[in-house]
């Protein structure tokens, strides 16, 4: 597993799901795309397994070097607290 980011903020978009910020660094060493398997470890030690469903374009008033992304709508915002670590689950078949 590779650490992608530590969650700084989460937005919920009705009908789409949660958007995780900062997201995937543009210079992340491994390609990450739609359908990538993610593991999110909360500060309390809970684990949430999910899938990346889309990359998002948002404006935070300053240039970003990360690509925010969305997770499925069955993941609630309160399951993704600030400080949670997002990991890319490496493909066992690669």
N, C-alpha and C. Protein backbone atom coordinates (compact mmCIF):
# COMPACT_ATOMS: atom_id res chain seq x y z
N UNK A 1 0.85 -1.19 0.00
CA UNK A 1 0.00 0.00 0.00
C UNK A 1 0.89 1.24 0.00
N UNK A 2 0.40 2.26 -0.68
CA UNK A 2 1.12 3.53 -0.74
C UNK A 2 0.23 4.63 -0.18
N UNK A 3 0.81 5.48 0.67
CA UNK A 3 0.08 6.63 1.21
C UNK A 3 -0.12 7.64 0.10
N UNK A 4 -1.38 8.00 -0.14
CA UNK A 4 -1.71 9.02 -1.15
C UNK A 4 -1.72 10.40 -0.50
N UNK A 5 -2.47 10.53 0.60
CA UNK A 5 -2.59 11.83 1.25
C UNK A 5 -3.20 11.67 2.63
N UNK A 6 -3.14 12.73 3.40
CA UNK A 6 -3.87 12.84 4.66
C UNK A 6 -5.01 13.82 4.42
N UNK A 7 -6.22 13.42 4.78
CA UNK A 7 -7.40 14.24 4.49
C UNK A 7 -7.35 15.56 5.25
N UNK A 8 -7.49 16.67 4.49
CA UNK A 8 -7.54 18.01 5.06
C UNK A 8 -8.97 18.54 5.11
N UNK A 9 -9.81 18.05 4.18
CA UNK A 9 -11.20 18.50 4.13
C UNK A 9 -12.00 17.49 3.31
N UNK A 10 -13.30 17.45 3.55
CA UNK A 10 -14.21 16.58 2.81
C UNK A 10 -15.47 17.38 2.51
N UNK A 11 -15.91 17.33 1.26
CA UNK A 11 -17.14 17.97 0.83
C UNK A 11 -18.11 16.88 0.41
N UNK A 12 -19.40 17.05 0.71
CA UNK A 12 -20.40 16.09 0.25
C UNK A 12 -21.21 16.74 -0.86
N UNK A 13 -21.30 16.07 -1.99
CA UNK A 13 -22.11 16.54 -3.11
C UNK A 13 -23.29 15.60 -3.24
N UNK A 14 -24.49 16.11 -3.05
CA UNK A 14 -25.70 15.30 -3.10
C UNK A 14 -25.78 14.55 -4.42
N UNK A 15 -26.03 13.27 -4.33
CA UNK A 15 -26.16 12.43 -5.51
C UNK A 15 -24.86 11.95 -6.10
N UNK A 16 -23.73 12.46 -5.60
CA UNK A 16 -22.42 12.07 -6.13
C UNK A 16 -21.55 11.42 -5.08
N UNK A 17 -21.52 11.97 -3.89
CA UNK A 17 -20.68 11.42 -2.84
C UNK A 17 -19.72 12.43 -2.27
N UNK A 18 -18.77 11.93 -1.51
CA UNK A 18 -17.79 12.79 -0.84
C UNK A 18 -16.59 13.07 -1.73
N UNK A 19 -16.11 14.31 -1.66
CA UNK A 19 -14.90 14.73 -2.35
C UNK A 19 -13.82 14.89 -1.30
N UNK A 20 -12.69 14.21 -1.51
CA UNK A 20 -11.58 14.23 -0.56
C UNK A 20 -10.53 15.23 -1.03
N UNK A 21 -10.10 16.09 -0.08
CA UNK A 21 -9.09 17.11 -0.35
C UNK A 21 -7.95 16.92 0.64
N UNK A 22 -6.69 16.93 0.27
CA UNK A 22 -6.20 17.50 -0.97
C UNK A 22 -6.31 16.57 -2.18
N UNK A 23 -6.26 15.27 -1.99
CA UNK A 23 -6.39 14.35 -3.12
C UNK A 23 -5.07 13.75 -3.53
N UNK A 24 -4.99 13.35 -4.78
CA UNK A 24 -3.82 12.64 -5.29
C UNK A 24 -2.80 13.66 -5.81
N UNK A 25 -1.56 13.60 -5.31
CA UNK A 25 -0.53 14.53 -5.81
C UNK A 25 -0.31 14.33 -7.30
N UNK A 26 -0.13 15.42 -8.03
CA UNK A 26 0.11 15.32 -9.47
C UNK A 26 1.38 14.51 -9.76
N UNK A 27 2.32 14.50 -8.84
CA UNK A 27 3.58 13.78 -9.04
C UNK A 27 3.59 12.44 -8.30
N UNK A 28 2.42 11.86 -8.02
CA UNK A 28 2.35 10.57 -7.34
C UNK A 28 3.07 9.53 -8.20
N UNK A 29 3.90 8.68 -7.61
CA UNK A 29 4.74 7.77 -8.40
C UNK A 29 3.99 6.65 -9.13
N UNK A 30 2.77 6.36 -8.75
CA UNK A 30 1.99 5.28 -9.36
C UNK A 30 0.75 5.86 -10.02
N UNK A 31 0.43 5.45 -11.25
CA UNK A 31 -0.81 5.93 -11.87
C UNK A 31 -2.03 5.53 -11.03
N UNK A 32 -2.93 6.47 -10.81
CA UNK A 32 -4.15 6.22 -10.04
C UNK A 32 -5.32 6.70 -10.88
N UNK A 33 -6.27 5.81 -11.13
CA UNK A 33 -7.40 6.18 -11.97
C UNK A 33 -8.72 5.73 -11.39
N UNK A 34 -9.75 5.99 -12.14
CA UNK A 34 -11.10 5.60 -11.75
C UNK A 34 -11.12 4.10 -11.47
N UNK A 35 -11.74 3.72 -10.38
CA UNK A 35 -11.82 2.32 -10.00
C UNK A 35 -10.71 1.85 -9.08
N UNK A 36 -9.73 2.73 -8.81
CA UNK A 36 -8.64 2.35 -7.91
C UNK A 36 -9.19 2.01 -6.53
N UNK A 37 -8.65 0.97 -5.94
CA UNK A 37 -9.06 0.54 -4.61
C UNK A 37 -8.31 1.35 -3.55
N UNK A 38 -9.05 1.90 -2.60
CA UNK A 38 -8.48 2.75 -1.56
C UNK A 38 -8.78 2.17 -0.19
N UNK A 39 -7.88 2.43 0.74
CA UNK A 39 -8.09 2.11 2.15
C UNK A 39 -7.89 3.41 2.91
N UNK A 40 -8.88 3.79 3.70
CA UNK A 40 -8.79 5.01 4.49
C UNK A 40 -8.72 4.61 5.95
N UNK A 41 -7.66 5.08 6.62
CA UNK A 41 -7.46 4.80 8.05
C UNK A 41 -7.74 6.07 8.82
N UNK A 42 -8.76 6.03 9.68
CA UNK A 42 -9.14 7.21 10.44
C UNK A 42 -8.20 7.40 11.63
N UNK A 43 -8.17 8.59 12.22
CA UNK A 43 -7.33 8.81 13.39
C UNK A 43 -7.64 7.86 14.55
N UNK A 44 -8.88 7.35 14.61
CA UNK A 44 -9.25 6.42 15.69
C UNK A 44 -8.85 4.98 15.37
N UNK A 45 -8.28 4.75 14.17
CA UNK A 45 -7.82 3.43 13.79
C UNK A 45 -8.81 2.60 13.00
N UNK A 46 -9.98 3.16 12.70
CA UNK A 46 -10.96 2.44 11.88
C UNK A 46 -10.50 2.43 10.42
N UNK A 47 -10.88 1.39 9.68
CA UNK A 47 -10.54 1.29 8.26
C UNK A 47 -11.80 1.32 7.42
N UNK A 48 -11.74 2.09 6.34
CA UNK A 48 -12.83 2.19 5.37
C UNK A 48 -12.25 1.80 4.02
N UNK A 49 -12.76 0.72 3.43
CA UNK A 49 -12.35 0.32 2.07
C UNK A 49 -13.34 0.92 1.08
N UNK A 50 -12.80 1.52 0.03
CA UNK A 50 -13.66 2.16 -0.96
C UNK A 50 -12.97 2.20 -2.32
N UNK A 51 -13.61 2.85 -3.26
CA UNK A 51 -13.13 2.95 -4.63
C UNK A 51 -13.15 4.40 -5.07
N UNK A 52 -12.15 4.79 -5.83
CA UNK A 52 -12.13 6.13 -6.41
C UNK A 52 -13.11 6.13 -7.58
N UNK A 53 -14.08 7.06 -7.55
CA UNK A 53 -15.08 7.07 -8.63
C UNK A 53 -14.91 8.21 -9.62
N UNK A 54 -14.25 9.30 -9.21
CA UNK A 54 -14.00 10.39 -10.16
C UNK A 54 -12.98 11.36 -9.60
N UNK A 55 -12.34 12.07 -10.52
CA UNK A 55 -11.45 13.18 -10.16
C UNK A 55 -12.29 14.44 -10.23
N UNK A 56 -12.02 15.38 -9.36
CA UNK A 56 -12.83 16.60 -9.28
C UNK A 56 -11.99 17.84 -9.56
N UNK A 57 -12.63 18.85 -10.08
CA UNK A 57 -11.99 20.14 -10.29
C UNK A 57 -12.65 21.12 -9.33
N UNK A 58 -11.89 21.60 -8.37
CA UNK A 58 -12.41 22.59 -7.42
C UNK A 58 -11.44 23.76 -7.34
N UNK A 59 -11.93 24.88 -6.89
CA UNK A 59 -11.10 26.06 -6.71
C UNK A 59 -11.07 26.41 -5.24
N UNK A 60 -9.89 26.45 -4.68
CA UNK A 60 -9.73 26.80 -3.27
C UNK A 60 -9.07 28.17 -3.13
N UNK A 61 -9.01 28.94 -4.22
CA UNK A 61 -8.46 30.28 -4.16
C UNK A 61 -6.95 30.34 -4.31
N UNK A 62 -6.29 29.19 -4.44
CA UNK A 62 -4.85 29.15 -4.64
C UNK A 62 -4.53 27.94 -5.51
N UNK A 63 -3.42 27.98 -6.23
CA UNK A 63 -3.06 26.83 -7.07
C UNK A 63 -2.89 25.57 -6.21
N UNK A 64 -3.30 24.44 -6.76
CA UNK A 64 -3.20 23.17 -6.05
C UNK A 64 -2.22 22.26 -6.78
N UNK A 65 -1.54 21.39 -6.04
CA UNK A 65 -0.66 20.41 -6.67
C UNK A 65 -1.18 18.99 -6.45
N UNK A 66 -2.49 18.91 -6.16
CA UNK A 66 -3.17 17.64 -5.95
C UNK A 66 -4.47 17.64 -6.75
N UNK A 67 -4.98 16.44 -7.03
CA UNK A 67 -6.27 16.30 -7.70
C UNK A 67 -7.29 15.72 -6.71
N UNK A 68 -8.22 16.55 -6.20
CA UNK A 68 -9.27 16.02 -5.32
C UNK A 68 -10.03 14.91 -6.04
N UNK A 69 -10.56 13.97 -5.28
CA UNK A 69 -11.30 12.86 -5.88
C UNK A 69 -12.54 12.53 -5.08
N UNK A 70 -13.47 11.81 -5.72
CA UNK A 70 -14.73 11.41 -5.09
C UNK A 70 -14.71 9.92 -4.79
N UNK A 71 -15.44 9.57 -3.73
CA UNK A 71 -15.68 8.17 -3.38
C UNK A 71 -17.18 7.92 -3.50
N UNK A 72 -17.62 6.67 -3.56
CA UNK A 72 -19.04 6.37 -3.75
C UNK A 72 -19.94 7.02 -2.69
N UNK A 73 -21.19 7.28 -3.09
CA UNK A 73 -22.13 7.97 -2.21
C UNK A 73 -22.54 7.15 -0.98
N UNK A 74 -22.18 5.87 -0.92
CA UNK A 74 -22.49 5.09 0.28
C UNK A 74 -21.49 5.35 1.40
N UNK A 75 -20.44 6.13 1.13
CA UNK A 75 -19.48 6.54 2.16
C UNK A 75 -19.92 7.91 2.68
N UNK A 76 -20.23 7.98 3.97
CA UNK A 76 -20.71 9.23 4.57
C UNK A 76 -19.53 10.13 4.95
N UNK A 77 -19.78 11.42 4.93
CA UNK A 77 -18.75 12.40 5.27
C UNK A 77 -18.16 12.13 6.66
N UNK A 78 -18.99 11.72 7.61
CA UNK A 78 -18.49 11.49 8.97
C UNK A 78 -17.59 10.26 9.08
N UNK A 79 -17.53 9.42 8.01
CA UNK A 79 -16.63 8.28 7.98
C UNK A 79 -15.22 8.69 7.54
N UNK A 80 -15.06 9.95 7.10
CA UNK A 80 -13.80 10.43 6.55
C UNK A 80 -13.33 11.67 7.31
N UNK A 81 -13.00 11.53 8.60
CA UNK A 81 -12.61 12.71 9.37
C UNK A 81 -11.27 13.30 8.92
N UNK A 82 -11.12 14.59 9.14
CA UNK A 82 -9.86 15.26 8.87
C UNK A 82 -8.76 14.52 9.65
N UNK A 83 -7.63 14.34 9.00
CA UNK A 83 -6.51 13.62 9.61
C UNK A 83 -6.45 12.15 9.22
N UNK A 84 -7.50 11.65 8.54
CA UNK A 84 -7.48 10.27 8.06
C UNK A 84 -6.44 10.13 6.96
N UNK A 85 -5.82 8.97 6.89
CA UNK A 85 -4.82 8.70 5.87
C UNK A 85 -5.44 7.85 4.76
N UNK A 86 -5.18 8.24 3.51
CA UNK A 86 -5.74 7.56 2.35
C UNK A 86 -4.59 6.79 1.68
N UNK A 87 -4.80 5.49 1.52
CA UNK A 87 -3.80 4.62 0.91
C UNK A 87 -4.33 4.02 -0.40
N UNK A 88 -3.44 3.88 -1.37
CA UNK A 88 -3.74 3.13 -2.58
C UNK A 88 -3.46 1.67 -2.29
N UNK A 89 -4.46 0.81 -2.49
CA UNK A 89 -4.29 -0.62 -2.29
C UNK A 89 -3.70 -1.17 -3.59
N UNK A 90 -2.50 -1.65 -3.52
CA UNK A 90 -1.81 -2.13 -4.72
C UNK A 90 -2.47 -3.39 -5.26
N UNK A 91 -2.50 -3.47 -6.56
CA UNK A 91 -3.10 -4.61 -7.24
C UNK A 91 -2.25 -5.86 -7.02
N UNK A 92 -2.83 -6.88 -6.41
CA UNK A 92 -2.11 -8.10 -6.13
C UNK A 92 -1.72 -8.85 -7.41
N UNK A 93 -2.36 -8.50 -8.53
CA UNK A 93 -2.10 -9.18 -9.80
C UNK A 93 -1.06 -8.46 -10.64
N UNK A 94 -0.59 -7.31 -10.17
CA UNK A 94 0.35 -6.51 -10.96
C UNK A 94 1.75 -7.11 -10.93
